[in-house]
Structure formats: C-alpha cells, structure tokens
Amino acid sequence: MSMNTIKPDEILDAKGLSCPMPLLKTKKALKGMDSGQILEVLGTDPGSKNDIPDFCKKGGNELLGMEDHPDGYTRYFIKKG
C-alpha cells in the first residue's frame, strides 16, 4: 500500500517532541477515535521508530506503514483496532 494513497481521519503532529511524548500523544489520539479509523503521526524522535510499531503490535492496532519524509520527520499510519 502506498503511503500517498492512505487518507487519515486525523493527523497528529508530534515533530520536535522527545520520548515518551510522541507515544503518549499517539495513545491519547487513538483513544478518541473509532475502530477502523486511521491516524497519521508525524514525528522526529528516533525512538518512535521502535516505540510506535511495538505499541501497535501490543495494543491491537495496525501499523499500515511508515516512511521517512525528506524534511527530516517520519510519517506513521496507524489503523485503530
């Protein structure tokens, strides 16, 4: 699935935040969403590249994909379980 074809229901800008804030904000955003909705997270914290996929696996959410953006941040697409 191409990341450019995913249409998120919500976008969380966590750029510039240090661990654990990106993950905590991701959890909070997903809590307010319905099952099946998609959250796009924008982050610059290198730890999130491990934290977010692990959180998705353990929390019953689906990481649809992640990609590095040329502007120095990573995009994560999470489908709420």
PDB file of N, CA and C in Angstrom:
ATOM      1  N   MET A   1       0.853  -1.176   0.000  1.00  0.00           N
ATOM      2  CA  MET A   1       0.000   0.000   0.000  1.00  0.00           C
ATOM      3  C   MET A   1       0.897   1.237   0.000  1.00  0.00           C
ATOM      4  N   SER A   2       0.653   2.134  -0.916  1.00  0.00           N
ATOM      5  CA  SER A   2       1.422   3.372  -0.988  1.00  0.00           C
ATOM      6  C   SER A   2       0.963   4.321   0.111  1.00  0.00           C
ATOM      7  N   MET A   3       1.928   4.927   0.767  1.00  0.00           N
ATOM      8  CA  MET A   3       1.591   5.852   1.848  1.00  0.00           C
ATOM      9  C   MET A   3       0.833   7.070   1.309  1.00  0.00           C
ATOM     10  N   ASN A   4       1.025   7.392   0.038  1.00  0.00           N
ATOM     11  CA  ASN A   4       0.355   8.552  -0.552  1.00  0.00           C
ATOM     12  C   ASN A   4      -1.126   8.307  -0.810  1.00  0.00           C
ATOM     13  N   THR A   5      -1.555   7.048  -0.804  1.00  0.00           N
ATOM     14  CA  THR A   5      -2.965   6.748  -1.057  1.00  0.00           C
ATOM     15  C   THR A   5      -3.772   6.611   0.234  1.00  0.00           C
ATOM     16  N   ILE A   6      -3.092   6.598   1.377  1.00  0.00           N
ATOM     17  CA  ILE A   6      -3.784   6.476   2.658  1.00  0.00           C
ATOM     18  C   ILE A   6      -4.381   7.827   3.033  1.00  0.00           C
ATOM     19  N   LYS A   7      -5.658   7.814   3.362  1.00  0.00           N
ATOM     20  CA  LYS A   7      -6.363   9.038   3.755  1.00  0.00           C
ATOM     21  C   LYS A   7      -6.643   8.982   5.258  1.00  0.00           C
ATOM     22  N   PRO A   8      -5.825   9.669   6.058  1.00  0.00           N
ATOM     23  CA  PRO A   8      -6.034   9.613   7.508  1.00  0.00           C
ATOM     24  C   PRO A   8      -7.284  10.365   7.945  1.00  0.00           C
ATOM     25  N   ASP A   9      -7.898   9.866   9.011  1.00  0.00           N
ATOM     26  CA  ASP A   9      -9.046  10.547   9.614  1.00  0.00           C
ATOM     27  C   ASP A   9      -8.577  11.683  10.521  1.00  0.00           C
ATOM     28  N   GLU A  10      -7.388  11.507  11.099  1.00  0.00           N
ATOM     29  CA  GLU A  10      -6.802  12.532  11.963  1.00  0.00           C
ATOM     30  C   GLU A  10      -5.297  12.549  11.749  1.00  0.00           C
ATOM     31  N   ILE A  11      -4.692  13.720  11.987  1.00  0.00           N
ATOM     32  CA  ILE A  11      -3.242  13.869  11.886  1.00  0.00           C
ATOM     33  C   ILE A  11      -2.729  14.407  13.214  1.00  0.00           C
ATOM     34  N   LEU A  12      -1.706  13.751  13.748  1.00  0.00           N
ATOM     35  CA  LEU A  12      -1.061  14.176  14.987  1.00  0.00           C
ATOM     36  C   LEU A  12       0.342  14.656  14.650  1.00  0.00           C
ATOM     37  N   ASP A  13       0.617  15.923  14.878  1.00  0.00           N
ATOM     38  CA  ASP A  13       1.946  16.485  14.635  1.00  0.00           C
ATOM     39  C   ASP A  13       2.741  16.409  15.931  1.00  0.00           C
ATOM     40  N   ALA A  14       3.645  15.432  16.009  1.00  0.00           N
ATOM     41  CA  ALA A  14       4.482  15.247  17.196  1.00  0.00           C
ATOM     42  C   ALA A  14       5.932  15.611  16.894  1.00  0.00           C
ATOM     43  N   LYS A  15       6.151  16.380  15.837  1.00  0.00           N
ATOM     44  CA  LYS A  15       7.510  16.787  15.478  1.00  0.00           C
ATOM     45  C   LYS A  15       8.096  17.647  16.596  1.00  0.00           C
ATOM     46  N   GLY A  16       9.359  17.408  16.906  1.00  0.00           N
ATOM     47  CA  GLY A  16      10.050  18.182  17.927  1.00  0.00           C
ATOM     48  C   GLY A  16       9.850  17.673  19.343  1.00  0.00           C
ATOM     49  N   LEU A  17       8.967  16.709  19.527  1.00  0.00           N
ATOM     50  CA  LEU A  17       8.724  16.156  20.863  1.00  0.00           C
ATOM     51  C   LEU A  17       9.675  14.998  21.128  1.00  0.00           C
ATOM     52  N   SER A  18      10.164  14.903  22.357  1.00  0.00           N
ATOM     53  CA  SER A  18      11.071  13.827  22.746  1.00  0.00           C
ATOM     54  C   SER A  18      10.298  12.710  23.427  1.00  0.00           C
ATOM     55  N   CYS A  19      10.886  11.527  23.394  1.00  0.00           N
ATOM     56  CA  CYS A  19      10.333  10.350  24.039  1.00  0.00           C
ATOM     57  C   CYS A  19      10.088  10.661  25.516  1.00  0.00           C
ATOM     58  N   PRO A  20       8.955  10.318  26.070  1.00  0.00           N
ATOM     59  CA  PRO A  20       7.900   9.449  25.553  1.00  0.00           C
ATOM     60  C   PRO A  20       6.701  10.209  24.980  1.00  0.00           C
ATOM     61  N   MET A  21       6.812  11.512  24.803  1.00  0.00           N
ATOM     62  CA  MET A  21       5.649  12.313  24.404  1.00  0.00           C
ATOM     63  C   MET A  21       4.998  11.887  23.084  1.00  0.00           C
ATOM     64  N   PRO A  22       5.758  11.569  22.025  1.00  0.00           N
ATOM     65  CA  PRO A  22       5.071  11.153  20.788  1.00  0.00           C
ATOM     66  C   PRO A  22       4.176   9.928  21.003  1.00  0.00           C
ATOM     67  N   LEU A  23       4.667   8.963  21.764  1.00  0.00           N
ATOM     68  CA  LEU A  23       3.875   7.754  22.007  1.00  0.00           C
ATOM     69  C   LEU A  23       2.664   8.060  22.893  1.00  0.00           C
ATOM     70  N   LEU A  24       2.853   8.870  23.919  1.00  0.00           N
ATOM     71  CA  LEU A  24       1.730   9.219  24.799  1.00  0.00           C
ATOM     72  C   LEU A  24       0.648   9.977  24.037  1.00  0.00           C
ATOM     73  N   LYS A  25       1.051  10.896  23.172  1.00  0.00           N
ATOM     74  CA  LYS A  25       0.080  11.656  22.378  1.00  0.00           C
ATOM     75  C   LYS A  25      -0.609  10.757  21.350  1.00  0.00           C
ATOM     76  N   THR A  26       0.132   9.772  20.816  1.00  0.00           N
ATOM     77  CA  THR A  26      -0.457   8.813  19.881  1.00  0.00           C
ATOM     78  C   THR A  26      -1.536   7.991  20.586  1.00  0.00           C
ATOM     79  N   LYS A  27      -1.223   7.493  21.782  1.00  0.00           N
ATOM     80  CA  LYS A  27      -2.201   6.716  22.556  1.00  0.00           C
ATOM     81  C   LYS A  27      -3.453   7.537  22.832  1.00  0.00           C
ATOM     82  N   LYS A  28      -3.262   8.792  23.237  1.00  0.00           N
ATOM     83  CA  LYS A  28      -4.394   9.663  23.558  1.00  0.00           C
ATOM     84  C   LYS A  28      -5.246   9.928  22.326  1.00  0.00           C
ATOM     85  N   ALA A  29      -4.602  10.182  21.190  1.00  0.00           N
ATOM     86  CA  ALA A  29      -5.345  10.452  19.953  1.00  0.00           C
ATOM     87  C   ALA A  29      -6.158   9.230  19.536  1.00  0.00           C
ATOM     88  N   LEU A  30      -5.552   8.049  19.601  1.00  0.00           N
ATOM     89  CA  LEU A  30      -6.255   6.827  19.208  1.00  0.00           C
ATOM     90  C   LEU A  30      -7.426   6.527  20.140  1.00  0.00           C
ATOM     91  N   LYS A  31      -7.277   6.864  21.401  1.00  0.00           N
ATOM     92  CA  LYS A  31      -8.340   6.604  22.378  1.00  0.00           C
ATOM     93  C   LYS A  31      -9.634   7.316  21.986  1.00  0.00           C
ATOM     94  N   GLY A  32      -9.507   8.481  21.371  1.00  0.00           N
ATOM     95  CA  GLY A  32     -10.680   9.248  20.976  1.00  0.00           C
ATOM     96  C   GLY A  32     -11.204   8.925  19.590  1.00  0.00           C
ATOM     97  N   MET A  33     -10.616   7.928  18.940  1.00  0.00           N
ATOM     98  CA  MET A  33     -11.027   7.565  17.583  1.00  0.00           C
ATOM     99  C   MET A  33     -11.838   6.276  17.592  1.00  0.00           C
ATOM    100  N   ASP A  34     -12.569   6.050  16.509  1.00  0.00           N
ATOM    101  CA  ASP A  34     -13.356   4.831  16.356  1.00  0.00           C
ATOM    102  C   ASP A  34     -12.522   3.739  15.702  1.00  0.00           C
ATOM    103  N   SER A  35     -12.877   2.494  15.974  1.00  0.00           N
ATOM    104  CA  SER A  35     -12.216   1.352  15.357  1.00  0.00           C
ATOM    105  C   SER A  35     -12.273   1.476  13.835  1.00  0.00           C
ATOM    106  N   GLY A  36     -11.145   1.225  13.190  1.00  0.00           N
ATOM    107  CA  GLY A  36     -11.072   1.300  11.732  1.00  0.00           C
ATOM    108  C   GLY A  36     -10.605   2.645  11.206  1.00  0.00           C
ATOM    109  N   GLN A  37     -10.632   3.672  12.061  1.00  0.00           N
ATOM    110  CA  GLN A  37     -10.151   4.978  11.616  1.00  0.00           C
ATOM    111  C   GLN A  37      -8.626   4.982  11.565  1.00  0.00           C
ATOM    112  N   ILE A  38      -8.080   5.908  10.770  1.00  0.00           N
ATOM    113  CA  ILE A  38      -6.637   5.968  10.551  1.00  0.00           C
ATOM    114  C   ILE A  38      -6.072   7.264  11.118  1.00  0.00           C
ATOM    115  N   LEU A  39      -5.001   7.109  11.886  1.00  0.00           N
ATOM    116  CA  LEU A  39      -4.271   8.234  12.455  1.00  0.00           C
ATOM    117  C   LEU A  39      -2.921   8.329  11.756  1.00  0.00           C
ATOM    118  N   GLU A  40      -2.591   9.515  11.277  1.00  0.00           N
ATOM    119  CA  GLU A  40      -1.253   9.771  10.745  1.00  0.00           C
ATOM    120  C   GLU A  40      -0.481  10.529  11.819  1.00  0.00           C
ATOM    121  N   VAL A  41       0.682  10.007  12.184  1.00  0.00           N
ATOM    122  CA  VAL A  41       1.537  10.652  13.178  1.00  0.00           C
ATOM    123  C   VAL A  41       2.790  11.151  12.471  1.00  0.00           C
ATOM    124  N   LEU A  42       3.146  12.406  12.727  1.00  0.00           N
ATOM    125  CA  LEU A  42       4.366  12.997  12.193  1.00  0.00           C
ATOM    126  C   LEU A  42       5.327  13.156  13.359  1.00  0.00           C
ATOM    127  N   GLY A  43       6.515  12.558  13.259  1.00  0.00           N
ATOM    128  CA  GLY A  43       7.438  12.620  14.383  1.00  0.00           C
ATOM    129  C   GLY A  43       8.891  12.703  13.970  1.00  0.00           C
ATOM    130  N   THR A  44       9.686  13.315  14.846  1.00  0.00           N
ATOM    131  CA  THR A  44      11.122  13.443  14.610  1.00  0.00           C
ATOM    132  C   THR A  44      11.943  12.647  15.616  1.00  0.00           C
ATOM    133  N   ASP A  45      11.324  12.136  16.672  1.00  0.00           N
ATOM    134  CA  ASP A  45      12.062  11.405  17.698  1.00  0.00           C
ATOM    135  C   ASP A  45      12.487  10.039  17.162  1.00  0.00           C
ATOM    136  N   PRO A  46      13.808   9.752  17.153  1.00  0.00           N
ATOM    137  CA  PRO A  46      14.263   8.466  16.596  1.00  0.00           C
ATOM    138  C   PRO A  46      13.716   7.251  17.338  1.00  0.00           C
ATOM    139  N   GLY A  47      13.438   7.389  18.628  1.00  0.00           N
ATOM    140  CA  GLY A  47      12.904   6.271  19.402  1.00  0.00           C
ATOM    141  C   GLY A  47      11.526   5.831  18.954  1.00  0.00           C
ATOM    142  N   SER A  48      10.797   6.735  18.324  1.00  0.00           N
ATOM    143  CA  SER A  48       9.442   6.405  17.861  1.00  0.00           C
ATOM    144  C   SER A  48       9.454   5.332  16.780  1.00  0.00           C
ATOM    145  N   LYS A  49      10.568   5.199  16.064  1.00  0.00           N
ATOM    146  CA  LYS A  49      10.645   4.183  15.002  1.00  0.00           C
ATOM    147  C   LYS A  49      10.537   2.774  15.566  1.00  0.00           C
ATOM    148  N   ASN A  50      10.860   2.608  16.837  1.00  0.00           N
ATOM    149  CA  ASN A  50      10.664   1.327  17.515  1.00  0.00           C
ATOM    150  C   ASN A  50       9.410   1.343  18.377  1.00  0.00           C
ATOM    151  N   ASP A  51       9.191   2.466  19.065  1.00  0.00           N
ATOM    152  CA  ASP A  51       8.085   2.553  20.023  1.00  0.00           C
ATOM    153  C   ASP A  51       6.716   2.412  19.366  1.00  0.00           C
ATOM    154  N   ILE A  52       6.494   3.112  18.268  1.00  0.00           N
ATOM    155  CA  ILE A  52       5.164   3.100  17.643  1.00  0.00           C
ATOM    156  C   ILE A  52       4.826   1.728  17.058  1.00  0.00           C
ATOM    157  N   PRO A  53       5.740   1.077  16.297  1.00  0.00           N
ATOM    158  CA  PRO A  53       5.405  -0.280  15.832  1.00  0.00           C
ATOM    159  C   PRO A  53       5.156  -1.263  16.977  1.00  0.00           C
ATOM    160  N   ASP A  54       5.968  -1.187  18.044  1.00  0.00           N
ATOM    161  CA  ASP A  54       5.766  -2.075  19.196  1.00  0.00           C
ATOM    162  C   ASP A  54       4.414  -1.820  19.857  1.00  0.00           C
ATOM    163  N   PHE A  55       4.068  -0.549  20.021  1.00  0.00           N
ATOM    164  CA  PHE A  55       2.782  -0.178  20.610  1.00  0.00           C
ATOM    165  C   PHE A  55       1.630  -0.739  19.776  1.00  0.00           C
ATOM    166  N   CYS A  56       1.739  -0.640  18.458  1.00  0.00           N
ATOM    167  CA  CYS A  56       0.668  -1.140  17.586  1.00  0.00           C
ATOM    168  C   CYS A  56       0.495  -2.642  17.737  1.00  0.00           C
ATOM    169  N   LYS A  57       1.611  -3.381  17.752  1.00  0.00           N
ATOM    170  CA  LYS A  57       1.546  -4.840  17.895  1.00  0.00           C
ATOM    171  C   LYS A  57       0.907  -5.242  19.217  1.00  0.00           C
ATOM    172  N   LYS A  58       1.341  -4.600  20.288  1.00  0.00           N
ATOM    173  CA  LYS A  58       0.869  -4.965  21.627  1.00  0.00           C
ATOM    174  C   LYS A  58      -0.528  -4.441  21.920  1.00  0.00           C
ATOM    175  N   GLY A  59      -0.912  -3.343  21.272  1.00  0.00           N
ATOM    176  CA  GLY A  59      -2.174  -2.701  21.595  1.00  0.00           C
ATOM    177  C   GLY A  59      -3.333  -3.053  20.690  1.00  0.00           C
ATOM    178  N   GLY A  60      -3.098  -3.941  19.709  1.00  0.00           N
ATOM    179  CA  GLY A  60      -4.190  -4.353  18.838  1.00  0.00           C
ATOM    180  C   GLY A  60      -4.512  -3.384  17.719  1.00  0.00           C
ATOM    181  N   ASN A  61      -3.599  -2.444  17.464  1.00  0.00           N
ATOM    182  CA  ASN A  61      -3.768  -1.526  16.343  1.00  0.00           C
ATOM    183  C   ASN A  61      -2.884  -1.999  15.197  1.00  0.00           C
ATOM    184  N   GLU A  62      -3.153  -1.514  13.997  1.00  0.00           N
ATOM    185  CA  GLU A  62      -2.395  -1.955  12.825  1.00  0.00           C
ATOM    186  C   GLU A  62      -1.556  -0.804  12.279  1.00  0.00           C
ATOM    187  N   LEU A  63      -0.246  -1.032  12.215  1.00  0.00           N
ATOM    188  CA  LEU A  63       0.635  -0.061  11.579  1.00  0.00           C
ATOM    189  C   LEU A  63       0.567  -0.319  10.079  1.00  0.00           C
ATOM    190  N   LEU A  64      -0.115   0.564   9.370  1.00  0.00           N
ATOM    191  CA  LEU A  64      -0.274   0.392   7.927  1.00  0.00           C
ATOM    192  C   LEU A  64       1.024   0.672   7.195  1.00  0.00           C
ATOM    193  N   GLY A  65       1.860   1.517   7.784  1.00  0.00           N
ATOM    194  CA  GLY A  65       3.143   1.818   7.179  1.00  0.00           C
ATOM    195  C   GLY A  65       3.789   3.016   7.830  1.00  0.00           C
ATOM    196  N   MET A  66       5.063   3.180   7.518  1.00  0.00           N
ATOM    197  CA  MET A  66       5.801   4.349   7.973  1.00  0.00           C
ATOM    198  C   MET A  66       6.808   4.703   6.908  1.00  0.00           C
ATOM    199  N   GLU A  67       7.098   5.999   6.793  1.00  0.00           N
ATOM    200  CA  GLU A  67       8.074   6.425   5.797  1.00  0.00           C
ATOM    201  C   GLU A  67       8.773   7.686   6.272  1.00  0.00           C
ATOM    202  N   ASP A  68      10.038   7.776   5.896  1.00  0.00           N
ATOM    203  CA  ASP A  68      10.807   8.975   6.205  1.00  0.00           C
ATOM    204  C   ASP A  68      10.489  10.041   5.175  1.00  0.00           C
ATOM    205  N   HIS A  69      10.233  11.244   5.660  1.00  0.00           N
ATOM    206  CA  HIS A  69       9.927  12.383   4.795  1.00  0.00           C
ATOM    207  C   HIS A  69      11.224  13.144   4.529  1.00  0.00           C
ATOM    208  N   PRO A  70      11.396  13.702   3.323  1.00  0.00           N
ATOM    209  CA  PRO A  70      12.623  14.440   3.012  1.00  0.00           C
ATOM    210  C   PRO A  70      12.890  15.627   3.951  1.00  0.00           C
ATOM    211  N   ASP A  71      11.864  16.121   4.622  1.00  0.00           N
ATOM    212  CA  ASP A  71      12.041  17.262   5.526  1.00  0.00           C
ATOM    213  C   ASP A  71      12.511  16.859   6.923  1.00  0.00           C
ATOM    214  N   GLY A  72      12.884  15.588   7.106  1.00  0.00           N
ATOM    215  CA  GLY A  72      13.500  15.168   8.360  1.00  0.00           C
ATOM    216  C   GLY A  72      12.574  14.592   9.410  1.00  0.00           C
ATOM    217  N   TYR A  73      11.376  14.235   9.046  1.00  0.00           N
ATOM    218  CA  TYR A  73      10.478  13.587  10.002  1.00  0.00           C
ATOM    219  C   TYR A  73       9.969  12.282   9.408  1.00  0.00           C
ATOM    220  N   THR A  74       9.353  11.479  10.260  1.00  0.00           N
ATOM    221  CA  THR A  74       8.796  10.196   9.836  1.00  0.00           C
ATOM    222  C   THR A  74       7.282  10.263   9.937  1.00  0.00           C
ATOM    223  N   ARG A  75       6.618   9.670   8.949  1.00  0.00           N
ATOM    224  CA  ARG A  75       5.152   9.579   8.933  1.00  0.00           C
ATOM    225  C   ARG A  75       4.773   8.146   9.304  1.00  0.00           C
ATOM    226  N   TYR A  76       3.842   8.012  10.239  1.00  0.00           N
ATOM    227  CA  TYR A  76       3.324   6.711  10.667  1.00  0.00           C
ATOM    228  C   TYR A  76       1.827   6.699  10.400  1.00  0.00           C
ATOM    229  N   PHE A  77       1.339   5.609   9.843  1.00  0.00           N
ATOM    230  CA  PHE A  77      -0.089   5.465   9.572  1.00  0.00           C
ATOM    231  C   PHE A  77      -0.604   4.298  10.400  1.00  0.00           C
ATOM    232  N   ILE A  78      -1.493   4.607  11.338  1.00  0.00           N
ATOM    233  CA  ILE A  78      -1.990   3.614  12.287  1.00  0.00           C
ATOM    234  C   ILE A  78      -3.498   3.481  12.138  1.00  0.00           C
ATOM    235  N   LYS A  79      -3.946   2.244  11.936  1.00  0.00           N
ATOM    236  CA  LYS A  79      -5.380   1.949  11.878  1.00  0.00           C
ATOM    237  C   LYS A  79      -5.801   1.438  13.248  1.00  0.00           C
ATOM    238  N   LYS A  80      -6.775   2.117  13.846  1.00  0.00           N
ATOM    239  CA  LYS A  80      -7.216   1.720  15.181  1.00  0.00           C
ATOM    240  C   LYS A  80      -7.930   0.381  15.132  1.00  0.00           C
ATOM    241  N   GLY A  81      -7.534  -0.495  16.060  1.00  0.00           N
ATOM    242  CA  GLY A  81      -8.119  -1.828  16.136  1.00  0.00           C
ATOM    243  C   GLY A  81      -9.426  -1.839  16.891  1.00  0.00           C
TER     244      GLY A  81
END
